[in-house]
Protein backbone atom coordinates (compact mmCIF):
# COMPACT_ATOMS: atom_id res chain seq x y z
CA MET A 1 13.64 -109.51 -38.13
CA GLN A 2 16.59 -111.51 -37.06
CA GLY A 3 19.47 -109.43 -35.73
CA GLU A 4 17.27 -106.44 -34.87
CA VAL A 5 17.90 -105.15 -31.39
CA THR A 6 15.07 -103.43 -29.60
CA MET A 7 16.13 -101.00 -26.91
CA ARG A 8 13.69 -100.81 -24.04
CA ARG A 9 13.53 -97.72 -21.91
CA SER A 10 12.97 -97.77 -18.20
CA ALA A 11 9.82 -96.11 -16.91
CA GLU A 12 11.90 -93.07 -15.89
CA GLN A 13 13.57 -92.88 -19.31
CA THR A 14 10.17 -93.17 -21.00
CA ARG A 15 8.78 -90.47 -18.73
CA GLU A 16 11.66 -88.13 -19.62
CA HIS A 17 11.25 -88.93 -23.31
CA VAL A 18 7.53 -88.16 -23.15
CA LEU A 19 8.20 -84.90 -21.30
CA GLY A 20 10.71 -83.88 -23.97
CA VAL A 21 8.17 -84.56 -26.70
CA ALA A 22 5.39 -82.85 -24.73
CA ARG A 23 7.63 -79.82 -24.28
CA GLU A 24 8.08 -79.44 -28.02
CA LEU A 25 4.39 -79.89 -28.74
CA PHE A 26 2.98 -77.84 -25.85
CA TYR A 27 5.47 -75.01 -26.30
CA TRP A 28 5.34 -74.69 -30.08
CA ARG A 29 1.71 -75.71 -30.74
CA GLY A 30 0.01 -74.86 -27.46
CA ILE A 31 -1.21 -76.82 -24.47
CA ARG A 32 -4.89 -76.81 -25.40
CA ALA A 33 -4.18 -77.46 -29.07
CA THR A 34 -2.17 -80.60 -28.27
CA GLY A 35 -4.00 -83.71 -27.19
CA VAL A 36 -2.61 -86.62 -25.24
CA ASP A 37 -2.94 -88.87 -28.31
CA ALA A 38 -0.71 -86.47 -30.28
CA VAL A 39 1.91 -86.56 -27.52
CA ALA A 40 1.78 -90.37 -27.38
CA ALA A 41 2.04 -90.69 -31.15
CA ALA A 42 4.96 -88.26 -31.38
CA ALA A 43 6.69 -90.08 -28.51
CA GLY A 44 6.17 -93.41 -30.25
CA ILE A 45 4.25 -94.94 -27.36
CA ALA A 46 0.71 -96.15 -26.83
CA PRO A 47 -1.70 -93.78 -25.06
CA THR A 48 -2.10 -96.41 -22.34
CA THR A 49 1.64 -96.17 -21.65
CA LEU A 50 1.37 -92.42 -21.38
CA TYR A 51 -1.54 -92.77 -18.93
CA ARG A 52 0.51 -95.17 -16.82
CA LEU A 53 3.10 -92.40 -16.50
CA PHE A 54 0.68 -89.48 -16.14
CA ALA A 55 -2.82 -90.02 -14.79
CA SER A 56 -4.30 -87.24 -16.93
CA LYS A 57 -3.43 -84.49 -19.37
CA ASP A 58 -3.45 -82.10 -16.41
CA ASP A 59 -0.75 -84.21 -14.75
CA LEU A 60 1.29 -84.25 -17.97
CA VAL A 61 0.96 -80.47 -18.33
CA ALA A 62 1.97 -79.97 -14.69
CA ALA A 63 5.02 -82.21 -15.15
CA TYR A 64 5.96 -80.34 -18.34
CA LEU A 65 5.74 -76.96 -16.59
CA GLU A 66 7.62 -78.25 -13.55
CA ARG A 67 10.40 -79.49 -15.85
CA GLU A 68 10.41 -76.16 -17.72
CA ALA A 69 10.74 -74.31 -14.42
CA ALA A 70 13.72 -76.44 -13.37
CA GLY A 71 15.41 -75.84 -16.73
CA TYR A 72 14.66 -72.13 -16.55
CA ARG A 73 16.15 -71.85 -13.05
CA ALA A 74 19.31 -73.59 -14.24
CA TRP A 75 19.52 -71.28 -17.28
CA PHE A 76 18.94 -68.16 -15.19
CA THR A 77 21.48 -69.19 -12.53
CA ALA A 78 24.15 -69.90 -15.15
CA ALA A 79 23.38 -66.71 -17.08
CA ALA A 80 23.60 -64.53 -13.96
CA ALA A 81 26.72 -66.23 -12.62
CA GLY A 82 29.60 -63.93 -11.98
CA PRO A 83 31.41 -62.07 -9.27
CA ALA A 84 29.23 -61.61 -6.21
CA ASP A 85 30.65 -58.12 -5.77
CA ASP A 86 29.37 -56.97 -9.19
CA PRO A 87 25.61 -57.59 -9.34
CA GLY A 88 25.23 -55.06 -12.16
CA ALA A 89 27.51 -57.12 -14.40
CA ARG A 90 25.54 -60.22 -13.47
CA VAL A 91 22.27 -58.52 -14.45
CA LEU A 92 23.74 -57.40 -17.78
CA ALA A 93 25.04 -60.91 -18.44
CA LEU A 94 21.54 -62.22 -17.74
CA PHE A 95 20.00 -59.84 -20.25
CA ASP A 96 22.68 -60.70 -22.82
CA ALA A 97 21.77 -64.37 -22.37
CA LEU A 98 18.09 -63.47 -22.64
CA ALA A 99 18.74 -61.80 -26.01
CA GLU A 100 20.17 -65.11 -27.23
CA GLN A 101 17.40 -67.17 -25.66
CA VAL A 102 14.59 -65.26 -27.38
CA ARG A 103 15.87 -65.67 -30.92
CA PRO A 104 12.98 -66.84 -33.14
CA GLU A 105 14.40 -70.30 -33.70
CA ASN A 106 14.47 -70.84 -29.91
CA CYS A 107 11.50 -68.90 -28.65
CA ARG A 108 7.86 -68.16 -29.22
CA GLY A 109 7.55 -66.43 -25.88
CA CYS A 110 7.87 -67.27 -22.22
CA PRO A 111 6.56 -70.78 -21.51
CA PHE A 112 5.19 -69.54 -18.20
CA GLN A 113 3.35 -66.60 -19.74
CA LEU A 114 1.96 -69.02 -22.32
CA GLY A 115 1.04 -71.47 -19.56
CA LEU A 116 -0.73 -68.78 -17.55
CA ALA A 117 -2.73 -67.78 -20.63
CA GLU A 118 -3.75 -71.37 -21.31
CA LEU A 119 -4.45 -72.30 -17.69
CA PRO A 120 -6.75 -69.54 -16.41
CA ASP A 121 -8.14 -71.70 -13.59
CA ALA A 122 -6.15 -70.91 -10.44
CA GLY A 123 -6.59 -74.52 -9.38
CA ALA A 124 -5.10 -76.04 -12.54
CA PRO A 125 -2.25 -78.35 -11.48
CA GLY A 126 0.30 -76.78 -13.84
CA ARG A 127 -0.53 -73.18 -13.00
CA ALA A 128 1.27 -73.34 -9.66
CA HIS A 129 4.56 -74.10 -11.46
CA THR A 130 4.15 -71.05 -13.70
CA VAL A 131 3.46 -68.76 -10.76
CA GLU A 132 6.33 -70.23 -8.74
CA ALA A 133 8.73 -69.68 -11.67
CA LYS A 134 7.70 -66.05 -11.91
CA GLU A 135 7.99 -65.53 -8.14
CA TRP A 136 11.42 -67.17 -8.14
CA THR A 137 12.58 -64.92 -11.00
CA ARG A 138 11.37 -61.83 -9.17
CA ASP A 139 13.15 -62.93 -6.00
CA GLN A 140 16.40 -63.47 -7.93
CA LEU A 141 16.22 -60.08 -9.62
CA ARG A 142 15.46 -58.39 -6.30
CA ALA A 143 18.43 -60.17 -4.71
CA LEU A 144 20.68 -58.85 -7.47
CA ALA A 145 19.37 -55.30 -7.76
CA GLY A 146 17.25 -54.47 -4.73
CA GLU A 147 13.50 -54.57 -4.31
CA ASP A 148 12.43 -51.66 -6.53
CA ARG A 149 15.07 -52.13 -9.22
CA GLY A 150 14.42 -55.89 -9.22
CA ASP A 151 10.75 -55.29 -9.95
CA GLU A 152 11.69 -52.92 -12.78
CA LEU A 153 14.04 -55.54 -14.22
CA MET A 154 11.24 -58.10 -13.95
CA LEU A 155 9.01 -55.84 -16.05
CA VAL A 156 11.75 -55.48 -18.67
CA MET A 157 12.27 -59.24 -18.80
CA GLU A 158 8.54 -59.91 -19.08
CA GLY A 159 8.31 -57.27 -21.81
CA VAL A 160 11.10 -58.92 -23.78
CA TYR A 161 9.32 -62.27 -23.75
CA ALA A 162 5.94 -60.74 -24.58
CA SER A 163 7.13 -58.47 -27.39
CA VAL A 164 9.35 -61.02 -29.12
CA ALA A 165 6.35 -63.20 -29.93
CA SER A 166 4.67 -60.47 -31.95
CA LEU A 167 7.35 -57.93 -32.88
CA GLY A 168 10.46 -60.10 -33.11
CA THR A 169 13.94 -59.59 -31.75
CA ALA A 170 14.43 -56.39 -33.79
CA GLY A 171 11.44 -54.76 -32.07
CA PRO A 172 11.34 -53.39 -28.52
CA ALA A 173 13.27 -56.42 -27.23
CA SER A 174 16.37 -55.14 -29.02
CA ARG A 175 16.42 -52.17 -26.64
CA ALA A 176 16.22 -54.19 -23.43
CA ARG A 177 19.94 -54.11 -22.60
CA LYS A 178 20.15 -50.33 -23.01
CA LEU A 179 17.11 -49.91 -20.78
CA VAL A 180 18.66 -52.21 -18.19
CA GLU A 181 21.90 -50.20 -18.32
CA ARG A 182 19.91 -47.02 -17.65
CA LEU A 183 18.02 -48.64 -14.78
CA LEU A 184 21.23 -49.85 -13.20
CA ALA A 185 22.83 -46.41 -13.55
CA THR A 186 20.10 -44.66 -11.58
């Protein structure tokens, strides 16, 4: 194997690589349905390497959900960016971005709703990240539209994620923007 160059990743690069692989497997196949050995194999590392990075599957799941929450916050913030003096336009931009985000090739539902369903134990390490992501989203919507309207927008957003998984983007989710327009007009 003369001339072959082997690239070694740092521990942090390996950790990020594993989290990227875990994200694909946990999100598309399910947290419970995906074992640590499957994550290690898909990441091209030994299970012992994975356990050096994450003490347990619970720790891996928690890190995955924490990473998802950070990515979601960045997406939400960018999607709702706009003039501070026009929160309604910012909300509509958010729901336009949501319509793109939930396309079938990108989405099988909200990773936090899925995480909550798969982590029923309130003490599960990853569950806190799912709850925090939902609380943060609610706070952001309330900041944009007021307390009551923000809660209504939260219900619409949750409904989009939940209905897309079973009824697709042409189902009730396709009416989300019109509903949001009506909510903002009242």
